[in-house]
N, C-alpha and C. Protein backbone atom coordinates (compact mmCIF):
# COMPACT_ATOMS: atom_id res chain seq x y z
N UNK A 1 -21.86 -27.72 19.18
CA UNK A 1 -20.63 -27.56 19.91
C UNK A 1 -20.24 -26.08 19.92
N UNK A 2 -20.02 -25.53 21.09
CA UNK A 2 -19.68 -24.11 21.22
C UNK A 2 -18.16 -23.96 21.30
N UNK A 3 -17.64 -22.99 20.55
CA UNK A 3 -16.21 -22.71 20.53
C UNK A 3 -15.95 -21.30 21.04
N UNK A 4 -14.75 -21.08 21.53
CA UNK A 4 -14.36 -19.76 22.02
C UNK A 4 -13.97 -18.89 20.84
N UNK A 5 -14.50 -17.67 20.80
CA UNK A 5 -14.16 -16.70 19.76
C UNK A 5 -13.48 -15.51 20.44
N UNK A 6 -12.35 -15.09 19.88
CA UNK A 6 -11.60 -13.96 20.42
C UNK A 6 -11.91 -12.74 19.55
N UNK A 7 -12.31 -11.64 20.20
CA UNK A 7 -12.68 -10.42 19.48
C UNK A 7 -11.56 -9.38 19.58
N UNK A 8 -11.20 -8.81 18.43
CA UNK A 8 -10.14 -7.79 18.38
C UNK A 8 -10.72 -6.49 17.87
N UNK A 9 -10.21 -5.39 18.39
CA UNK A 9 -10.65 -4.05 18.00
C UNK A 9 -10.29 -3.82 16.53
N UNK A 10 -11.20 -3.18 15.80
CA UNK A 10 -10.97 -2.90 14.38
C UNK A 10 -9.98 -1.78 14.15
N UNK A 11 -9.78 -0.91 15.14
CA UNK A 11 -8.87 0.23 14.96
C UNK A 11 -7.46 -0.06 15.48
N UNK A 12 -7.34 -0.49 16.75
CA UNK A 12 -6.01 -0.69 17.33
C UNK A 12 -5.55 -2.15 17.27
N UNK A 13 -6.42 -3.07 16.88
CA UNK A 13 -6.12 -4.50 16.70
C UNK A 13 -5.80 -5.24 18.00
N UNK A 14 -6.09 -4.63 19.15
CA UNK A 14 -5.89 -5.32 20.42
C UNK A 14 -7.01 -6.32 20.65
N UNK A 15 -6.65 -7.48 21.18
CA UNK A 15 -7.63 -8.52 21.48
C UNK A 15 -8.17 -8.27 22.88
N UNK A 16 -9.41 -7.79 22.97
CA UNK A 16 -9.97 -7.32 24.22
C UNK A 16 -10.98 -8.28 24.85
N UNK A 17 -11.74 -9.01 24.04
CA UNK A 17 -12.87 -9.78 24.56
C UNK A 17 -12.84 -11.21 24.04
N UNK A 18 -13.44 -12.11 24.83
CA UNK A 18 -13.68 -13.48 24.39
C UNK A 18 -15.16 -13.77 24.58
N UNK A 19 -15.70 -14.62 23.72
CA UNK A 19 -17.08 -15.04 23.81
C UNK A 19 -17.18 -16.43 23.20
N UNK A 20 -18.35 -17.02 23.24
CA UNK A 20 -18.54 -18.34 22.64
C UNK A 20 -19.54 -18.23 21.51
N UNK A 21 -19.44 -19.16 20.56
CA UNK A 21 -20.40 -19.20 19.46
C UNK A 21 -20.57 -20.63 19.00
N UNK A 22 -21.72 -20.89 18.39
CA UNK A 22 -22.01 -22.21 17.84
C UNK A 22 -21.57 -22.22 16.38
N UNK A 23 -20.58 -23.03 16.05
CA UNK A 23 -20.03 -23.04 14.69
C UNK A 23 -21.01 -23.58 13.66
N UNK A 24 -21.92 -24.46 14.09
CA UNK A 24 -22.86 -25.06 13.13
C UNK A 24 -23.92 -24.06 12.68
N UNK A 25 -24.38 -23.20 13.57
CA UNK A 25 -25.44 -22.26 13.20
C UNK A 25 -24.90 -20.91 12.74
N UNK A 26 -23.71 -20.53 13.19
CA UNK A 26 -23.09 -19.25 12.79
C UNK A 26 -21.80 -19.55 12.05
N UNK A 27 -21.87 -19.62 10.73
CA UNK A 27 -20.68 -19.98 9.95
C UNK A 27 -19.79 -18.78 9.68
N UNK A 28 -20.35 -17.57 9.66
CA UNK A 28 -19.53 -16.38 9.41
C UNK A 28 -18.89 -15.91 10.72
N UNK A 29 -17.94 -15.00 10.60
CA UNK A 29 -17.23 -14.50 11.77
C UNK A 29 -18.08 -13.49 12.53
N UNK A 30 -17.91 -13.45 13.86
CA UNK A 30 -18.65 -12.52 14.70
C UNK A 30 -18.14 -11.10 14.50
N UNK A 31 -19.04 -10.15 14.65
CA UNK A 31 -18.69 -8.74 14.59
C UNK A 31 -19.64 -7.99 15.52
N UNK A 32 -19.09 -7.36 16.56
CA UNK A 32 -19.89 -6.65 17.55
C UNK A 32 -19.29 -5.29 17.83
N UNK A 33 -20.14 -4.35 18.25
CA UNK A 33 -19.67 -3.03 18.66
C UNK A 33 -19.52 -3.08 20.18
N UNK A 34 -18.28 -2.90 20.65
CA UNK A 34 -17.98 -2.97 22.07
C UNK A 34 -17.01 -1.85 22.44
N UNK A 35 -16.86 -1.62 23.73
CA UNK A 35 -15.95 -0.59 24.22
C UNK A 35 -14.52 -1.11 24.20
N UNK A 36 -13.61 -0.34 23.61
CA UNK A 36 -12.19 -0.68 23.59
C UNK A 36 -11.49 0.16 24.66
N UNK A 37 -10.91 -0.46 25.70
CA UNK A 37 -10.24 0.32 26.74
C UNK A 37 -8.96 1.00 26.25
N UNK A 38 -8.36 0.51 25.18
CA UNK A 38 -7.13 1.12 24.66
C UNK A 38 -7.45 2.36 23.84
N UNK A 39 -8.50 2.31 23.01
CA UNK A 39 -8.92 3.46 22.23
C UNK A 39 -9.79 4.41 23.05
N UNK A 40 -10.36 3.90 24.12
CA UNK A 40 -11.28 4.62 25.01
C UNK A 40 -12.53 5.11 24.28
N UNK A 41 -13.06 4.25 23.39
CA UNK A 41 -14.32 4.55 22.71
C UNK A 41 -14.93 3.24 22.20
N UNK A 42 -16.18 3.32 21.73
CA UNK A 42 -16.86 2.15 21.19
C UNK A 42 -16.42 1.94 19.76
N UNK A 43 -15.93 0.73 19.46
CA UNK A 43 -15.46 0.40 18.12
C UNK A 43 -16.00 -0.96 17.73
N UNK A 44 -15.88 -1.29 16.46
CA UNK A 44 -16.28 -2.60 15.96
C UNK A 44 -15.20 -3.61 16.32
N UNK A 45 -15.60 -4.70 16.94
CA UNK A 45 -14.69 -5.78 17.28
C UNK A 45 -15.03 -6.98 16.41
N UNK A 46 -14.02 -7.55 15.77
CA UNK A 46 -14.22 -8.68 14.87
C UNK A 46 -13.52 -9.91 15.42
N UNK A 47 -14.06 -11.06 15.07
CA UNK A 47 -13.47 -12.33 15.51
C UNK A 47 -12.14 -12.56 14.80
N UNK A 48 -11.15 -13.00 15.57
CA UNK A 48 -9.82 -13.29 15.02
C UNK A 48 -9.62 -14.80 14.97
N UNK A 49 -8.49 -15.20 14.43
CA UNK A 49 -8.14 -16.61 14.44
C UNK A 49 -7.90 -17.07 15.86
N UNK A 50 -8.03 -18.37 16.10
CA UNK A 50 -7.82 -18.90 17.44
C UNK A 50 -6.38 -18.68 17.89
N UNK A 51 -6.21 -18.57 19.18
CA UNK A 51 -4.90 -18.33 19.76
C UNK A 51 -5.07 -17.64 21.09
N UNK A 52 -3.98 -17.35 21.74
CA UNK A 52 -4.04 -16.70 23.02
C UNK A 52 -4.50 -15.24 22.85
N UNK A 53 -5.44 -14.77 23.69
CA UNK A 53 -5.90 -13.38 23.56
C UNK A 53 -4.86 -12.36 23.98
N UNK A 54 -3.72 -12.81 24.54
CA UNK A 54 -2.72 -11.88 25.06
C UNK A 54 -1.51 -11.78 24.14
N UNK A 55 -1.51 -12.48 23.03
CA UNK A 55 -0.39 -12.39 22.09
C UNK A 55 -0.80 -11.46 20.95
N UNK A 56 -0.02 -10.42 20.70
CA UNK A 56 -0.27 -9.36 19.75
C UNK A 56 -0.82 -9.75 18.46
């Protein structure tokens, strides 16, 4: 079963991206290097708790 994962910037904490992951095979939280439009540079984005990606 695939679930939606919300990724937040490690520096400014803005929730910028959403992706899906399989909870059974990936038990740890996602961590990817992506471009943050608010910081205007590539930063580490980590998976946050579920919720709306537009709420601070």
